[in-house]
Structure formats: C-alpha cells, structure tokens
N, C-alpha and C. Protein backbone atom coordinates (compact mmCIF):
# COMPACT_ATOMS: atom_id res chain seq x y z
N MET A 1 0.79 -1.19 -0.04
CA MET A 1 0.02 0.04 0.03
C MET A 1 0.98 1.21 -0.02
N ASN A 2 0.45 2.20 -0.82
CA ASN A 2 1.33 3.43 -0.90
C ASN A 2 0.91 4.51 0.17
N THR A 3 1.81 5.21 0.54
CA THR A 3 1.42 6.39 1.36
C THR A 3 0.88 7.53 0.44
N LEU A 4 0.28 8.53 0.97
CA LEU A 4 -0.33 9.61 0.10
C LEU A 4 0.82 10.16 -0.78
N GLU A 5 1.96 10.32 -0.38
CA GLU A 5 3.11 10.87 -1.11
C GLU A 5 3.47 10.04 -2.26
N GLN A 6 3.37 8.76 -2.05
CA GLN A 6 3.76 7.83 -3.15
C GLN A 6 2.65 7.37 -4.18
N MET A 7 1.43 7.81 -3.72
CA MET A 7 0.23 7.39 -4.46
C MET A 7 0.17 8.15 -5.80
N PRO A 8 -0.07 7.51 -6.86
CA PRO A 8 -0.23 8.21 -8.19
C PRO A 8 -1.49 9.03 -8.14
N ALA A 9 -1.55 10.22 -8.79
CA ALA A 9 -2.74 11.27 -8.72
C ALA A 9 -3.98 10.59 -8.93
N ILE A 10 -4.22 9.70 -9.93
CA ILE A 10 -5.42 9.00 -10.13
C ILE A 10 -5.86 8.22 -8.85
N GLU A 11 -5.07 7.43 -8.26
CA GLU A 11 -5.31 6.79 -7.14
C GLU A 11 -5.74 7.61 -5.99
N TYR A 12 -4.96 8.64 -5.77
CA TYR A 12 -5.32 9.66 -4.76
C TYR A 12 -6.72 10.17 -5.01
N GLU A 13 -6.96 10.62 -6.04
CA GLU A 13 -8.30 11.31 -6.34
C GLU A 13 -9.36 10.29 -6.11
N ALA A 14 -9.17 8.92 -6.53
CA ALA A 14 -10.16 7.98 -6.40
C ALA A 14 -10.34 7.64 -4.88
N ALA A 15 -9.34 7.67 -4.05
CA ALA A 15 -9.37 7.50 -2.59
C ALA A 15 -10.08 8.64 -1.97
N ILE A 16 -9.98 9.78 -2.37
CA ILE A 16 -10.65 11.01 -1.79
C ILE A 16 -12.09 10.96 -2.16
N GLU A 17 -12.41 10.55 -3.40
CA GLU A 17 -13.91 10.38 -3.92
C GLU A 17 -14.50 9.40 -2.96
N GLN A 18 -13.82 8.26 -2.82
CA GLN A 18 -14.51 7.15 -2.07
C GLN A 18 -14.71 7.58 -0.62
N PHE A 19 -13.86 8.35 -0.09
CA PHE A 19 -13.90 8.80 1.28
C PHE A 19 -15.09 9.73 1.37
N ILE A 20 -15.32 10.62 0.41
CA ILE A 20 -16.35 11.64 0.43
C ILE A 20 -17.70 10.95 0.36
N GLU A 21 -17.73 9.84 -0.53
CA GLU A 21 -19.01 9.09 -0.71
C GLU A 21 -19.34 8.35 0.58
N GLU A 22 -18.36 7.72 1.34
CA GLU A 22 -18.57 6.96 2.50
C GLU A 22 -19.15 8.00 3.59
N ALA A 23 -18.29 9.09 3.68
CA ALA A 23 -18.59 10.08 4.78
C ALA A 23 -20.07 10.67 4.53
N ALA A 24 -20.58 10.80 3.27
CA ALA A 24 -21.81 11.27 3.06
C ALA A 24 -22.95 10.34 3.59
N GLN A 25 -22.69 9.07 3.55
CA GLN A 25 -23.67 8.11 3.92
C GLN A 25 -23.56 7.68 5.30
N TRP A 26 -22.64 8.24 6.07
CA TRP A 26 -22.53 7.88 7.50
C TRP A 26 -23.52 8.68 8.33
N ASP A 27 -24.24 7.97 9.19
CA ASP A 27 -25.30 8.59 9.87
C ASP A 27 -24.94 9.03 11.29
N GLY A 28 -23.60 8.79 11.53
CA GLY A 28 -23.00 9.34 12.83
C GLY A 28 -23.04 8.16 13.92
N SER A 29 -23.64 7.12 13.63
CA SER A 29 -23.63 6.08 14.67
C SER A 29 -22.31 5.23 14.72
N LEU A 30 -22.17 4.70 15.88
CA LEU A 30 -21.01 3.80 15.95
C LEU A 30 -21.35 2.41 16.24
N PRO A 31 -20.92 1.49 15.64
CA PRO A 31 -21.34 0.10 16.00
C PRO A 31 -20.95 -0.20 17.36
N ILE A 32 -21.84 -0.91 18.08
CA ILE A 32 -21.74 -1.21 19.46
C ILE A 32 -20.46 -2.06 19.76
N GLY A 33 -20.05 -2.96 18.92
CA GLY A 33 -18.85 -3.71 19.09
C GLY A 33 -17.58 -2.81 19.09
N THR A 34 -17.66 -1.90 18.13
CA THR A 34 -16.52 -0.91 18.06
C THR A 34 -16.39 -0.06 19.37
N PHE A 35 -17.55 0.30 19.86
CA PHE A 35 -17.60 1.20 21.02
C PHE A 35 -17.02 0.43 22.13
N PHE A 36 -17.49 -0.81 22.42
CA PHE A 36 -17.01 -1.55 23.66
C PHE A 36 -15.62 -1.94 23.49
N GLU A 37 -15.10 -2.21 22.30
CA GLU A 37 -13.71 -2.55 22.03
C GLU A 37 -12.81 -1.34 22.31
N ALA A 38 -13.28 -0.23 21.97
CA ALA A 38 -12.60 1.10 22.22
C ALA A 38 -12.59 1.37 23.74
N TRP A 39 -13.71 1.22 24.37
CA TRP A 39 -13.96 1.46 25.89
C TRP A 39 -13.02 0.46 26.67
N THR A 40 -12.95 -0.86 26.24
CA THR A 40 -12.17 -1.69 26.92
C THR A 40 -10.57 -1.37 26.74
N GLY A 41 -10.21 -0.95 25.62
CA GLY A 41 -8.86 -0.50 25.40
C GLY A 41 -8.39 0.69 26.28
N VAL A 42 -9.31 1.62 26.43
CA VAL A 42 -9.05 2.79 27.30
C VAL A 42 -9.14 2.31 28.78
N ALA A 43 -10.15 1.64 29.31
CA ALA A 43 -10.24 1.23 30.61
C ALA A 43 -9.11 0.44 31.02
N SER A 44 -8.65 -0.56 30.21
CA SER A 44 -7.61 -1.47 30.67
C SER A 44 -6.29 -0.74 30.84
N ARG A 45 -6.08 0.36 30.25
CA ARG A 45 -4.93 1.21 30.45
C ARG A 45 -4.80 1.93 31.75
N GLN A 46 -6.01 2.00 32.48
CA GLN A 46 -6.12 2.63 33.79
C GLN A 46 -6.00 1.63 34.94
N LEU A 47 -6.08 0.38 34.63
CA LEU A 47 -6.07 -0.50 35.76
C LEU A 47 -4.69 -0.93 35.95
N ALA A 48 -4.46 -1.27 37.32
CA ALA A 48 -3.19 -1.61 37.79
C ALA A 48 -2.98 -3.16 37.25
N LEU A 49 -1.75 -3.50 36.82
CA LEU A 49 -1.40 -4.85 36.42
C LEU A 49 -0.75 -5.55 37.68
N GLU A 50 -1.22 -6.65 37.99
CA GLU A 50 -0.61 -7.35 39.20
C GLU A 50 0.38 -8.42 38.74
N ILE A 51 1.46 -8.40 39.42
CA ILE A 51 2.41 -9.41 39.28
C ILE A 51 2.75 -10.04 40.71
N GLN A 52 2.85 -11.38 40.93
CA GLN A 52 3.17 -11.97 42.20
C GLN A 52 4.60 -12.30 42.08
N ALA A 53 5.30 -12.13 43.24
CA ALA A 53 6.62 -12.57 43.46
C ALA A 53 6.87 -13.53 44.57
N GLN A 54 7.72 -14.45 44.25
CA GLN A 54 8.26 -15.40 45.23
C GLN A 54 9.72 -15.51 45.26
N VAL A 55 10.35 -15.55 46.45
CA VAL A 55 11.72 -15.86 46.52
C VAL A 55 11.85 -17.41 46.83
N LYS A 56 12.57 -18.05 45.83
CA LYS A 56 12.83 -19.42 45.92
C LYS A 56 14.36 -19.64 45.92
N GLY A 57 14.93 -19.98 46.98
CA GLY A 57 16.29 -20.05 47.15
C GLY A 57 16.94 -18.56 46.87
N ASP A 58 17.76 -18.47 46.02
CA ASP A 58 18.46 -17.08 45.81
C ASP A 58 17.78 -16.57 44.52
N GLN A 59 16.61 -17.06 43.95
CA GLN A 59 16.01 -16.60 42.86
C GLN A 59 14.65 -15.86 43.14
N LEU A 60 14.34 -14.89 42.37
CA LEU A 60 13.14 -14.19 42.29
C LEU A 60 12.28 -14.80 41.19
N VAL A 61 11.04 -15.34 41.53
CA VAL A 61 10.20 -15.84 40.58
C VAL A 61 8.82 -15.06 40.48
N LEU A 62 8.71 -14.55 39.24
CA LEU A 62 7.50 -13.65 39.13
C LEU A 62 6.41 -14.47 38.35
N SER A 63 5.24 -14.10 38.52
CA SER A 63 4.04 -14.80 37.86
C SER A 63 3.05 -13.70 37.68
N ALA A 64 2.21 -13.95 36.61
CA ALA A 64 0.94 -13.07 36.49
C ALA A 64 -0.10 -14.09 36.12
N SER A 65 -1.34 -13.54 36.35
CA SER A 65 -2.45 -14.46 35.94
C SER A 65 -2.61 -14.77 34.47
N PRO A 66 -3.10 -15.82 34.14
CA PRO A 66 -3.24 -16.25 32.69
C PRO A 66 -3.89 -15.24 31.78
N ASP A 67 -4.91 -14.39 32.30
CA ASP A 67 -5.53 -13.41 31.49
C ASP A 67 -4.82 -12.08 31.53
N SER A 68 -3.62 -11.99 32.17
CA SER A 68 -2.87 -10.79 32.16
C SER A 68 -2.32 -10.45 30.81
N PRO A 69 -2.31 -9.13 30.42
CA PRO A 69 -1.60 -8.83 29.14
C PRO A 69 -0.02 -8.79 29.22
N LEU A 70 0.40 -9.08 30.46
CA LEU A 70 1.93 -9.12 30.74
C LEU A 70 2.48 -10.57 30.48
N LEU A 71 3.59 -10.60 29.83
CA LEU A 71 4.20 -11.89 29.63
C LEU A 71 5.38 -11.91 30.77
N VAL A 72 5.23 -12.87 31.59
CA VAL A 72 6.26 -12.86 32.74
C VAL A 72 6.72 -14.24 32.94
N TYR A 73 8.11 -14.38 33.16
CA TYR A 73 8.77 -15.59 33.40
C TYR A 73 9.88 -15.45 34.16
N ASP A 74 10.09 -16.18 35.22
CA ASP A 74 11.10 -16.20 36.29
C ASP A 74 11.24 -14.65 36.80
N ASN A 75 12.28 -14.00 36.43
CA ASN A 75 12.37 -12.59 36.91
C ASN A 75 12.33 -11.56 35.72
N TYR A 76 11.69 -12.03 34.60
CA TYR A 76 11.62 -11.23 33.48
C TYR A 76 10.09 -10.74 33.23
N ILE A 77 9.96 -9.58 32.74
CA ILE A 77 8.63 -9.05 32.45
C ILE A 77 8.85 -8.36 30.93
N TRP A 78 8.11 -8.91 30.05
CA TRP A 78 8.21 -8.27 28.63
C TRP A 78 7.12 -7.31 28.46
N LEU A 79 7.37 -6.12 28.01
CA LEU A 79 6.45 -5.07 27.71
C LEU A 79 6.01 -5.14 26.31
N ASP A 80 4.79 -4.45 26.09
CA ASP A 80 4.21 -4.51 24.79
C ASP A 80 5.16 -4.03 23.63
N ASP A 81 5.98 -3.08 23.96
CA ASP A 81 6.88 -2.54 22.89
C ASP A 81 8.07 -3.29 22.72
N GLY A 82 8.17 -4.52 23.28
CA GLY A 82 9.34 -5.49 23.05
C GLY A 82 10.49 -5.38 24.08
N ARG A 83 10.48 -4.30 24.84
CA ARG A 83 11.43 -4.20 25.86
C ARG A 83 11.28 -5.28 26.99
N LYS A 84 12.24 -5.69 27.70
CA LYS A 84 12.22 -6.65 28.73
C LYS A 84 12.73 -5.94 30.10
N VAL A 85 11.98 -6.12 31.12
CA VAL A 85 12.25 -5.77 32.50
C VAL A 85 12.98 -6.85 33.14
N VAL A 86 14.08 -6.71 33.72
CA VAL A 86 14.76 -7.82 34.44
C VAL A 86 14.79 -7.44 35.95
N ILE A 87 14.34 -8.11 36.88
CA ILE A 87 14.37 -7.76 38.27
C ILE A 87 15.36 -8.71 38.97
N ARG A 88 16.33 -8.12 39.69
CA ARG A 88 17.47 -8.89 40.30
C ARG A 88 17.29 -8.72 41.83
N LEU A 89 17.47 -9.79 42.48
CA LEU A 89 17.58 -9.72 44.04
C LEU A 89 19.04 -9.28 44.29
N VAL A 90 19.18 -8.39 45.20
CA VAL A 90 20.49 -7.86 45.65
C VAL A 90 20.55 -7.78 47.06
N THR A 91 21.70 -7.85 47.68
CA THR A 91 21.86 -7.63 49.10
C THR A 91 21.83 -6.18 49.31
N PRO A 92 21.62 -5.72 50.54
CA PRO A 92 21.56 -4.15 50.79
C PRO A 92 22.85 -3.57 50.38
N ALA A 93 24.11 -4.27 50.47
CA ALA A 93 25.34 -3.71 50.19
C ALA A 93 25.42 -3.54 48.61
N GLU A 94 24.69 -4.27 47.85
CA GLU A 94 24.74 -4.16 46.35
C GLU A 94 23.71 -3.16 45.81
N ALA A 95 22.74 -2.84 46.53
CA ALA A 95 21.65 -1.93 46.10
C ALA A 95 22.30 -0.71 45.70
N VAL A 96 21.80 -0.11 44.55
CA VAL A 96 22.08 1.07 43.99
C VAL A 96 20.99 2.20 44.28
N MET A 97 21.43 3.25 44.86
CA MET A 97 20.38 4.30 45.12
C MET A 97 20.57 5.51 44.38
C-alpha cells in the first residue's frame, strides 16, 4: 500500500472520492462492538497490572494471571513494545540508590 506521497494522482483522487461518498452516507452512529472494544482498550490502560513474586532460594520468581496482558517468566517481564524488564535480587550492600 502506498502512502499519500507515493500514490499516483489518479489513485489519490479515487481514494478521496471514495472517502467523500462514504462520509456522506455515515449517519454518525458507532457500531456497539466498536464502542465496547474502544472502551475496553481505554479502561484497561487505567487498571493496575498485578504481578506476584516469590523468593525461591536465591531466585526471584515472578508470575502473572493467565488473563494478564503481561508476559512474565522467572524474573523477566516483557513489555508491549518489546522491551524486557529484569528484576534482580541484591543484598543491601549491592543496592544502587
């Protein structure tokens, strides 16, 4: 799919015409499924995400509920953007403040 800058003039004009036609037919209503999907997305960002932690020997073991959007394994938490959070257990002498 081309961006607007890459699109030939004829395709661009056809896309604008199609948009105008569809916009003229829209009655302003929003399908209920779309509304609740958007609402769920907004509401879920405001909720706290819970992770449980256990110390097993000298290891920190994290877990999240199966329906959690977080991917958690041992002491790793993967974020939606691909980054990984690593939590290490340290002694008070090793702690960085």
